[in-house]
C-alpha cells in the first residue's frame, strides 16, 4: 500500500503547487472603479453615432445625386455646343467654297459636291426605265448610265459618312430621344405567337365541348374540324403569309392609328438613304401597308451575305440598315418593331474582320443611327412624299422617280428662299 500513499502525496503536492501559480490561460486587468451614477448617466454611444452616421450618409447621397445631375446637364450642353460648332464650321466652309472665283481651275471634276451637281436637274423626271434587279453590277451600272444621261441626278449623290465615336449623351442631344425610344420587341412575331397559341387553346376547348355536349357522329365531326384549326393557321402562314400580315396590320392599325404611316416612314427612310448612298436596290415586296425594300450589300455580285466584311464596308451598310429606325425616331421620337434591323446589324458586325471590340459594337450602331438621322433630317419632305408613294404600292422605278422629283422640288424651294437674301447682300455691298 506504500505506493498508493506515495501517489496520493505526489498528487497533493502538485495540486498545492498549481494553486499558488498564476493562471497561464487568463489575463486579468484591474479596472478602475467608477461610481454607479456615472455608469448610469453614460449615453448609449451606438445609438447616438448610428443616427448621426445615417444623417451624414443621407446628406452625402443627396449631394452626389445633385452632382450627377449637374454633370449630366453639362455633358448634354457640351454635346449641343460641339454640334453647333460643327455646323458652323461646315457653313463657313461652304461659304468660302461659294466665294471662290468662277474661272478657278477644276483639278478634279468628280470631287465636286454631289448636291451642287444634282441641282442641275431642274425639270421633273417623267419616268425611270425598269432596272435589271437580278444583278448588283447590272443594276448599279444602269443607274450610273441614267445619271450620266441626265435622266436621274441624286443616285449616289450623298457622301458616305465617316465614323467617329458617338457617346450616349451626344446621341441624345442630337436626336432629342432617350434610351427607351428604341423598342426592340418585334410586334409581328409576338402577334403570330399569340395568334397560334390562342387558336390552339380555343380549338381545344371547342373540340372538347363538341364531344361532350353534342356527342354522336355530329359531335365527332365538329371535334375533328376544331382540332384542325391550328394546322390551318400554320398552313396559311406558310403558303400565303400576306393574309396573316394583313390581319396583323388591321389589328395594329385599330390599336394604333399611326401604325401604317409609321411602317411607310420606316421603309421610305431605308429606300432614300440606300439610294443616296449608292446601294443598288435588289427587290421590293408589296405588303398590305407599304412596299418593303431590300438592297444589295455592294455593287459586286460575288459578295455573299456569309462572307467576312471589312470595316470600311460595314460602316455605310449599318447606316442603311438602321435608317428605318432613324426615320421613326425623326418623326415619332420612338421606334417600334426593330428586331429585324437590329439583328441584321449585329450579324454584320459579327462578320467583320478583324473582330470588333465590345465598345465598337456599341458605338457603331449609335453612330450609324445618328448619321442616318442627319441625312433624313435634311430631306424630311422627300421622305414624306416617298412614304405616300410606297404606301400606294410603288415599285422601284416609281420610288426613284418620286425621290428625284421631290429632291428637285426641295432644292428649288431652297434656292428660291435664299436668292432674295443673297441679292440683298450684294446690293448692300
Protein backbone atom coordinates (compact mmCIF):
# COMPACT_ATOMS: atom_id res chain seq x y z
CA UNK A 1 0.00 0.00 0.00
CA UNK A 2 3.00 2.24 0.22
CA UNK A 3 2.82 3.14 -3.44
CA UNK A 4 -0.77 4.35 -3.06
CA UNK A 5 0.28 6.61 -0.21
CA UNK A 6 3.21 7.97 -2.28
CA UNK A 7 0.96 8.61 -5.26
CA UNK A 8 -1.56 10.50 -3.13
CA UNK A 9 1.18 12.65 -1.61
CA UNK A 10 2.56 13.44 -5.07
CA UNK A 11 -0.84 14.49 -6.34
CA UNK A 12 -1.44 16.73 -3.33
CA UNK A 13 1.95 18.37 -3.81
CA UNK A 14 1.25 19.09 -7.48
CA UNK A 15 -2.17 20.49 -6.58
CA UNK A 16 -0.66 22.80 -3.96
CA UNK A 17 1.94 24.00 -6.46
CA UNK A 18 -0.64 24.80 -9.07
CA UNK A 19 -2.87 26.53 -6.57
CA UNK A 20 -0.20 29.13 -5.84
CA UNK A 21 0.84 29.70 -9.53
CA UNK A 22 -0.86 32.41 -11.62
CA UNK A 23 -3.03 31.11 -14.46
CA UNK A 24 -1.38 30.99 -17.87
CA UNK A 25 -4.69 30.99 -19.77
CA UNK A 26 -6.33 34.13 -18.46
CA UNK A 27 -5.17 37.69 -18.22
CA UNK A 28 -6.96 39.78 -15.64
CA UNK A 29 -6.54 43.51 -15.91
CA UNK A 30 -7.67 45.59 -13.00
CA UNK A 31 -10.43 48.03 -13.99
CA UNK A 32 -10.91 51.40 -12.40
CA UNK A 33 -13.86 51.58 -10.08
CA UNK A 34 -16.48 54.03 -11.43
CA UNK A 35 -19.36 55.40 -9.48
CA UNK A 36 -22.70 53.83 -10.22
CA UNK A 37 -24.18 57.22 -11.14
CA UNK A 38 -21.59 57.82 -13.89
CA UNK A 39 -22.25 54.42 -15.35
CA UNK A 40 -25.98 55.03 -15.42
CA UNK A 41 -25.61 58.50 -16.95
CA UNK A 42 -23.34 57.34 -19.79
CA UNK A 43 -25.36 57.60 -23.02
CA UNK A 44 -25.70 54.63 -25.36
CA UNK A 45 -22.97 55.58 -27.80
CA UNK A 46 -24.01 53.25 -30.60
CA UNK A 47 -27.50 54.79 -30.85
CA UNK A 48 -26.11 58.32 -30.94
CA UNK A 49 -23.47 57.51 -33.56
CA UNK A 50 -25.84 55.47 -35.73
CA UNK A 51 -28.30 58.33 -36.07
CA UNK A 52 -25.52 60.78 -36.78
CA UNK A 53 -23.99 58.48 -39.44
CA UNK A 54 -27.34 57.95 -41.14
CA UNK A 55 -27.88 61.70 -41.42
CA UNK A 56 -24.38 62.23 -42.81
CA UNK A 57 -24.76 59.39 -45.32
CA UNK A 58 -28.14 60.72 -46.47
CA UNK A 59 -26.67 64.18 -46.92
CA UNK A 60 -23.74 62.80 -48.93
CA UNK A 61 -26.10 60.78 -51.14
CA UNK A 62 -28.18 63.87 -51.87
CA UNK A 63 -25.05 65.87 -52.75
CA UNK A 64 -23.81 63.03 -55.00
CA UNK A 65 -27.16 62.89 -56.83
CA UNK A 66 -27.07 66.64 -57.31
CA UNK A 67 -23.53 66.44 -58.70
CA UNK A 68 -24.56 63.68 -61.10
CA UNK A 69 -27.45 65.77 -62.40
CA UNK A 70 -25.15 68.76 -62.91
CA UNK A 71 -22.57 66.58 -64.71
CA UNK A 72 -25.25 65.12 -66.99
CA UNK A 73 -26.57 68.58 -67.83
CA UNK A 74 -23.03 69.77 -68.59
CA UNK A 75 -22.44 66.77 -70.87
CA UNK A 76 -25.64 67.41 -72.82
CA UNK A 77 -24.80 71.11 -73.15
CA UNK A 78 -21.29 70.24 -74.31
CA UNK A 79 -22.71 67.91 -76.97
CA UNK A 80 -25.04 70.68 -78.19
CA UNK A 81 -22.13 73.14 -78.31
CA UNK A 82 -19.98 70.66 -80.24
CA UNK A 83 -22.77 70.06 -82.73
CA UNK A 84 -23.31 73.80 -83.15
CA UNK A 85 -19.57 74.32 -83.72
CA UNK A 86 -19.53 71.57 -86.32
CA UNK A 87 -22.48 73.03 -88.19
CA UNK A 88 -20.93 76.50 -88.03
CA UNK A 89 -17.65 75.19 -89.45
CA UNK A 90 -19.49 73.42 -92.27
CA UNK A 91 -21.42 76.60 -93.07
CA UNK A 92 -18.21 78.63 -93.15
CA UNK A 93 -16.52 76.07 -95.39
CA UNK A 94 -19.48 76.11 -97.79
CA UNK A 95 -19.46 79.92 -97.81
CA UNK A 96 -15.73 80.03 -98.61
CA UNK A 97 -16.21 77.49 -101.39
CA UNK A 98 -19.02 79.59 -102.87
CA UNK A 99 -16.84 82.73 -102.78
CA UNK A 100 -14.12 81.16 -104.99
CA UNK A 101 -13.76 82.67 -108.49
CA UNK A 102 -15.87 81.00 -111.16
CA UNK A 103 -12.88 80.61 -113.50
CA UNK A 104 -10.77 78.77 -110.95
CA UNK A 105 -9.21 75.65 -112.47
CA UNK A 106 -11.06 72.44 -111.68
CA UNK A 107 -8.43 69.84 -110.89
CA UNK A 108 -10.94 67.04 -110.34
CA UNK A 109 -14.48 67.40 -111.62
CA UNK A 110 -15.65 64.26 -109.83
CA UNK A 111 -14.66 65.76 -106.48
CA UNK A 112 -17.33 68.47 -106.73
CA UNK A 113 -20.02 68.35 -104.00
CA UNK A 114 -22.77 65.97 -105.22
CA UNK A 115 -25.70 68.21 -104.16
CA UNK A 116 -24.35 71.06 -106.33
CA UNK A 117 -24.22 68.72 -109.31
CA UNK A 118 -27.68 67.35 -108.57
CA UNK A 119 -29.25 70.82 -108.59
CA UNK A 120 -28.62 70.96 -112.34
CA UNK A 121 -31.67 68.71 -112.75
CA UNK A 122 -34.43 71.30 -112.77
CA UNK A 123 -37.02 69.54 -114.95
CA UNK A 124 -39.18 66.82 -113.38
CA UNK A 125 -38.42 63.18 -114.13
CA UNK A 126 -41.27 61.74 -116.19
CA UNK A 127 -40.38 58.08 -115.81
CA UNK A 128 -37.50 55.77 -114.89
CA UNK A 129 -36.77 52.70 -117.02
CA UNK A 130 -37.07 49.27 -115.48
CA UNK A 131 -33.86 48.19 -113.76
CA UNK A 132 -32.13 44.79 -114.00
CA UNK A 133 -32.64 43.77 -110.36
CA UNK A 134 -31.21 40.26 -110.70
CA UNK A 135 -27.63 41.58 -110.66
CA UNK A 136 -25.98 44.16 -108.40
CA UNK A 137 -23.43 45.09 -111.08
CA UNK A 138 -26.05 45.45 -113.81
CA UNK A 139 -28.39 47.48 -111.59
CA UNK A 140 -25.64 49.86 -110.41
CA UNK A 141 -24.29 50.24 -113.94
CA UNK A 142 -27.75 51.08 -115.27
CA UNK A 143 -28.27 53.72 -112.59
CA UNK A 144 -24.85 55.23 -113.36
CA UNK A 145 -25.77 55.43 -117.05
CA UNK A 146 -29.09 57.10 -116.28
CA UNK A 147 -27.28 59.66 -114.15
CA UNK A 148 -24.74 60.39 -116.89
CA UNK A 149 -27.60 60.83 -119.37
CA UNK A 150 -29.35 63.31 -117.09
CA UNK A 151 -32.40 61.12 -116.50
CA UNK A 152 -31.72 60.99 -112.76
CA UNK A 153 -29.41 63.12 -110.64
CA UNK A 154 -29.46 62.06 -106.98
CA UNK A 155 -28.42 58.44 -107.20
CA UNK A 156 -25.18 58.01 -105.19
CA UNK A 157 -25.12 61.75 -104.51
CA UNK A 158 -24.64 61.69 -100.72
CA UNK A 159 -21.10 61.48 -99.37
CA UNK A 160 -20.72 58.39 -97.22
CA UNK A 161 -20.39 59.49 -93.59
CA UNK A 162 -17.13 58.93 -91.72
CA UNK A 163 -17.19 57.03 -88.46
CA UNK A 164 -16.40 58.68 -85.15
CA UNK A 165 -17.08 57.57 -81.60
CA UNK A 166 -20.53 58.75 -80.50
CA UNK A 167 -21.26 58.80 -76.80
CA UNK A 168 -24.73 58.30 -75.40
CA UNK A 169 -25.17 61.93 -74.37
CA UNK A 170 -24.18 63.11 -77.87
CA UNK A 171 -26.79 60.84 -79.44
CA UNK A 172 -29.46 62.04 -77.02
CA UNK A 173 -28.62 65.71 -77.57
CA UNK A 174 -28.63 65.34 -81.39
CA UNK A 175 -31.81 63.29 -81.73
CA UNK A 176 -33.78 64.52 -78.72
CA UNK A 177 -34.61 60.90 -77.81
CA UNK A 178 -33.95 58.92 -74.65
CA UNK A 179 -32.67 55.38 -74.12
CA UNK A 180 -36.19 53.92 -74.15
CA UNK A 181 -37.03 55.35 -77.58
CA UNK A 182 -35.98 52.18 -79.45
CA UNK A 183 -38.33 49.31 -78.64
CA UNK A 184 -36.66 46.11 -79.78
CA UNK A 185 -39.60 43.72 -79.37
CA UNK A 186 -40.97 42.51 -82.71
CA UNK A 187 -44.70 43.12 -82.94
CA UNK A 188 -45.21 40.73 -85.86
CA UNK A 189 -43.53 37.80 -84.10
CA UNK A 190 -45.42 38.48 -80.90
CA UNK A 191 -48.72 38.72 -82.81
CA UNK A 192 -48.17 35.45 -84.69
CA UNK A 193 -47.24 33.64 -81.49
CA UNK A 194 -50.34 34.91 -79.73
CA UNK A 195 -52.50 34.05 -82.73
CA UNK A 196 -51.25 30.45 -82.84
CA UNK A 197 -51.48 29.91 -79.08
CA UNK A 198 -54.94 31.50 -78.96
CA UNK A 199 -56.14 29.36 -81.87
CA UNK A 200 -54.75 26.24 -80.21
CA UNK A 201 -56.50 26.97 -76.91
CA UNK A 202 -59.84 27.90 -78.48
CA UNK A 203 -59.84 24.91 -80.84
CA UNK A 204 -59.04 22.56 -77.95
CA UNK A 205 -61.92 23.88 -75.84
CA UNK A 206 -64.34 23.76 -78.77
CA UNK A 207 -63.29 20.21 -79.67
CA UNK A 208 -63.76 19.01 -76.08
CA UNK A 209 -67.11 20.83 -75.84
CA UNK A 210 -68.33 19.26 -79.10
CA UNK A 211 -67.52 15.74 -77.96
CA UNK A 212 -69.10 16.29 -74.54
CA UNK A 213 -72.24 18.28 -75.30
CA UNK A 214 -73.13 17.34 -78.87
CA UNK A 215 -71.95 13.76 -78.98
CA UNK A 216 -72.57 11.20 -81.63
CA UNK A 217 -71.30 11.43 -85.17
CA UNK A 218 -72.05 15.16 -85.38
CA UNK A 219 -70.04 15.85 -82.24
CA UNK A 220 -67.14 13.81 -83.60
CA UNK A 221 -67.26 15.78 -86.87
CA UNK A 222 -67.07 19.13 -85.06
CA UNK A 223 -64.28 17.78 -82.85
CA UNK A 224 -62.13 16.96 -85.87
CA UNK A 225 -62.93 20.31 -87.52
CA UNK A 226 -61.99 22.33 -84.46
CA UNK A 227 -58.86 20.26 -83.88
CA UNK A 228 -57.68 21.11 -87.40
CA UNK A 229 -57.85 24.89 -86.88
CA UNK A 230 -54.20 25.33 -85.67
CA UNK A 231 -52.99 23.30 -88.65
CA UNK A 232 -54.99 25.55 -90.99
CA UNK A 233 -53.41 28.69 -89.44
CA UNK A 234 -49.89 27.27 -89.88
CA UNK A 235 -50.68 26.27 -93.48
CA UNK A 236 -51.95 29.77 -94.34
CA UNK A 237 -48.85 31.35 -92.80
CA UNK A 238 -46.61 29.05 -94.86
CA UNK A 239 -48.42 29.26 -98.21
CA UNK A 240 -49.68 32.86 -98.18
CA UNK A 241 -48.23 34.85 -95.25
CA UNK A 242 -49.71 38.06 -96.68
CA UNK A 243 -53.11 37.02 -95.30
CA UNK A 244 -51.77 36.92 -91.75
CA UNK A 245 -49.77 40.11 -92.34
CA UNK A 246 -52.96 41.82 -93.45
CA UNK A 247 -54.70 40.63 -90.31
CA UNK A 248 -51.78 41.89 -88.22
CA UNK A 249 -51.87 45.26 -89.98
CA UNK A 250 -55.60 45.68 -89.40
CA UNK A 251 -55.27 44.77 -85.73
CA UNK A 252 -52.34 47.11 -85.19
CA UNK A 253 -53.96 49.93 -87.10
CA UNK A 254 -57.09 49.56 -84.98
CA UNK A 255 -54.98 49.73 -81.82
CA UNK A 256 -52.61 52.43 -83.10
CA UNK A 257 -53.85 54.81 -85.79
CA UNK A 258 -50.30 55.74 -86.83
CA UNK A 259 -49.17 52.15 -87.46
CA UNK A 260 -49.45 52.22 -91.26
CA UNK A 261 -47.86 55.64 -91.52
CA UNK A 262 -45.05 54.55 -89.21
CA UNK A 263 -44.30 51.48 -91.36
CA UNK A 264 -44.32 53.59 -94.53
CA UNK A 265 -41.92 56.09 -92.99
CA UNK A 266 -39.68 53.24 -91.89
CA UNK A 267 -39.40 51.74 -95.38
CA UNK A 268 -39.18 55.14 -97.12
CA UNK A 269 -36.23 56.03 -94.88
CA UNK A 270 -34.50 52.79 -95.86
CA UNK A 271 -35.01 53.47 -99.55
CA UNK A 272 -33.92 57.11 -99.50
CA UNK A 273 -30.70 56.55 -97.52
CA UNK A 274 -29.73 53.49 -99.56
CA UNK A 275 -30.42 55.31 -102.83
CA UNK A 276 -28.50 58.44 -101.87
CA UNK A 277 -25.50 56.41 -100.63
CA UNK A 278 -25.32 54.45 -103.89
CA UNK A 279 -26.55 50.96 -102.94
CA UNK A 280 -28.32 49.21 -105.83
CA UNK A 281 -31.85 48.06 -104.93
CA UNK A 282 -32.45 44.32 -105.02
CA UNK A 283 -36.21 43.98 -104.79
CA UNK A 284 -39.40 45.49 -103.44
CA UNK A 285 -42.04 43.33 -101.78
CA UNK A 286 -45.55 44.72 -101.64
CA UNK A 287 -47.04 44.36 -98.16
CA UNK A 288 -50.59 45.38 -97.17
CA UNK A 289 -49.50 48.71 -95.67
CA UNK A 290 -46.40 49.59 -97.71
CA UNK A 291 -43.72 48.39 -100.10
CA UNK A 292 -40.75 46.67 -98.42
CA UNK A 293 -37.34 47.40 -99.95
CA UNK A 294 -34.14 45.36 -99.93
CA UNK A 295 -30.69 46.47 -101.15
CA UNK A 296 -27.58 44.65 -102.30
CA UNK A 297 -24.72 44.89 -99.81
CA UNK A 298 -22.33 46.09 -102.53
CA UNK A 299 -22.04 46.68 -106.26
CA UNK A 300 -20.29 43.30 -106.62
CA UNK A 301 -22.29 40.17 -107.44
CA UNK A 302 -19.67 37.98 -105.77
CA UNK A 303 -20.48 39.47 -102.35
CA UNK A 304 -22.18 36.82 -100.25
CA UNK A 305 -24.04 37.54 -97.01
CA UNK A 306 -21.93 34.94 -95.25
CA UNK A 307 -18.56 36.32 -96.31
CA UNK A 308 -16.40 38.41 -93.94
CA UNK A 309 -16.70 42.18 -94.20
CA UNK A 310 -14.09 44.88 -93.96
CA UNK A 311 -14.58 47.77 -91.57
CA UNK A 312 -14.93 50.26 -94.44
CA UNK A 313 -17.74 48.13 -95.89
CA UNK A 314 -19.50 47.67 -92.57
CA UNK A 315 -19.99 51.31 -91.60
CA UNK A 316 -22.13 52.61 -94.52
CA UNK A 317 -24.06 49.32 -94.56
CA UNK A 318 -25.03 49.92 -90.94
CA UNK A 319 -26.23 53.41 -91.86
CA UNK A 320 -28.60 51.96 -94.47
CA UNK A 321 -29.70 49.09 -92.23
CA UNK A 322 -30.64 51.33 -89.30
CA UNK A 323 -32.10 54.19 -91.35
CA UNK A 324 -35.64 52.88 -90.87
CA UNK A 325 -35.26 53.16 -87.11
CA UNK A 326 -33.76 56.64 -87.51
CA UNK A 327 -36.70 57.66 -89.68
CA UNK A 328 -39.17 56.63 -86.99
CA UNK A 329 -37.14 58.49 -84.36
CA UNK A 330 -37.15 61.61 -86.54
CA UNK A 331 -40.92 61.66 -86.95
CA UNK A 332 -42.29 59.93 -83.85
CA UNK A 333 -39.36 60.09 -81.35
CA UNK A 334 -39.85 56.34 -80.85
CA UNK A 335 -39.10 53.25 -82.97
CA UNK A 336 -41.13 50.05 -82.78
CA UNK A 337 -40.64 46.52 -84.15
CA UNK A 338 -36.90 47.00 -84.58
CA UNK A 339 -35.76 43.39 -84.10
CA UNK A 340 -35.17 42.69 -87.79
CA UNK A 341 -32.91 45.72 -88.35
CA UNK A 342 -31.01 45.32 -85.08
CA UNK A 343 -30.40 41.60 -85.67
CA UNK A 344 -29.14 42.32 -89.18
CA UNK A 345 -26.69 44.94 -87.88
CA UNK A 346 -25.45 42.52 -85.22
CA UNK A 347 -24.92 39.90 -87.92
CA UNK A 348 -22.94 42.42 -89.99
CA UNK A 349 -20.68 43.21 -87.03
CA UNK A 350 -20.09 39.50 -86.38
CA UNK A 351 -18.93 39.10 -89.99
CA UNK A 352 -16.48 42.00 -89.75
CA UNK A 353 -12.77 41.22 -89.74
CA UNK A 354 -10.76 42.00 -87.70
CA UNK A 355 -13.22 41.35 -84.90
CA UNK A 356 -14.77 44.42 -83.29
CA UNK A 357 -14.34 45.20 -79.62
CA UNK A 358 -17.25 45.47 -77.23
CA UNK A 359 -17.05 49.25 -77.25
CA UNK A 360 -17.08 49.37 -81.05
CA UNK A 361 -20.11 47.07 -81.20
CA UNK A 362 -21.92 49.58 -79.01
CA UNK A 363 -20.67 52.76 -80.68
CA UNK A 364 -21.11 51.77 -84.35
CA UNK A 365 -24.92 51.29 -84.17
CA UNK A 366 -25.19 54.56 -82.23
CA UNK A 367 -23.07 56.40 -84.80
CA UNK A 368 -24.88 54.85 -87.78
CA UNK A 369 -28.30 55.77 -86.39
CA UNK A 370 -27.13 59.35 -85.87
CA UNK A 371 -25.63 59.53 -89.39
CA UNK A 372 -28.88 58.25 -90.94
CA UNK A 373 -30.88 60.62 -88.72
CA UNK A 374 -28.91 63.63 -90.03
CA UNK A 375 -29.37 62.57 -93.67
CA UNK A 376 -33.11 62.12 -93.22
CA UNK A 377 -33.40 65.37 -91.29
CA UNK A 378 -32.04 67.25 -94.32
CA UNK A 379 -34.54 65.58 -96.66
CA UNK A 380 -37.62 65.16 -94.48
CA UNK A 381 -40.05 66.45 -97.19
CA UNK A 382 -38.65 63.83 -99.57
CA UNK A 383 -39.34 61.07 -97.06
CA UNK A 384 -42.91 62.33 -96.72
CA UNK A 385 -43.60 62.06 -100.44
CA UNK A 386 -41.80 58.74 -100.77
CA UNK A 387 -43.75 57.27 -97.86
CA UNK A 388 -47.01 58.16 -99.58
CA UNK A 389 -45.89 56.52 -102.82
CA UNK A 390 -44.70 53.36 -101.07
CA UNK A 391 -47.99 53.20 -99.21
CA UNK A 392 -49.67 53.01 -102.60
CA UNK A 393 -47.54 50.02 -103.61
CA UNK A 394 -44.96 51.81 -105.79
CA UNK A 395 -42.26 49.68 -107.42
CA UNK A 396 -38.56 50.58 -107.55
CA UNK A 397 -38.74 52.69 -110.71
CA UNK A 398 -41.66 54.68 -109.33
CA UNK A 399 -39.87 55.16 -105.99
CA UNK A 400 -36.81 56.52 -107.81
CA UNK A 401 -38.99 58.90 -109.83
CA UNK A 402 -40.66 60.18 -106.65
CA UNK A 403 -37.29 60.69 -104.94
CA UNK A 404 -35.81 62.59 -107.88
CA UNK A 405 -38.78 64.93 -108.26
CA UNK A 406 -39.03 65.53 -104.51
CA UNK A 407 -35.30 66.35 -104.33
CA UNK A 408 -35.63 68.77 -107.25
CA UNK A 409 -38.57 70.42 -105.54
CA UNK A 410 -36.69 70.68 -102.25
CA UNK A 411 -33.58 72.26 -103.71
CA UNK A 412 -35.65 74.57 -105.95
CA UNK A 413 -37.56 75.87 -102.93
CA UNK A 414 -34.30 76.36 -101.01
CA UNK A 415 -32.80 78.28 -103.91
CA UNK A 416 -35.92 80.47 -104.14
CA UNK A 417 -35.76 81.18 -100.41
CA UNK A 418 -32.06 82.06 -100.34
CA UNK A 419 -32.00 84.10 -103.56
CA UNK A 420 -33.59 87.30 -102.14
CA UNK A 421 -31.23 87.27 -99.16
CA UNK A 422 -28.19 86.91 -101.42
CA UNK A 423 -29.45 89.68 -103.72
CA UNK A 424 -29.91 91.99 -100.74
CA UNK A 425 -26.39 91.25 -99.54
CA UNK A 426 -24.95 92.09 -103.00
CA UNK A 427 -26.89 95.39 -103.21
CA UNK A 428 -25.66 96.45 -99.80
CA UNK A 429 -22.10 95.80 -100.83
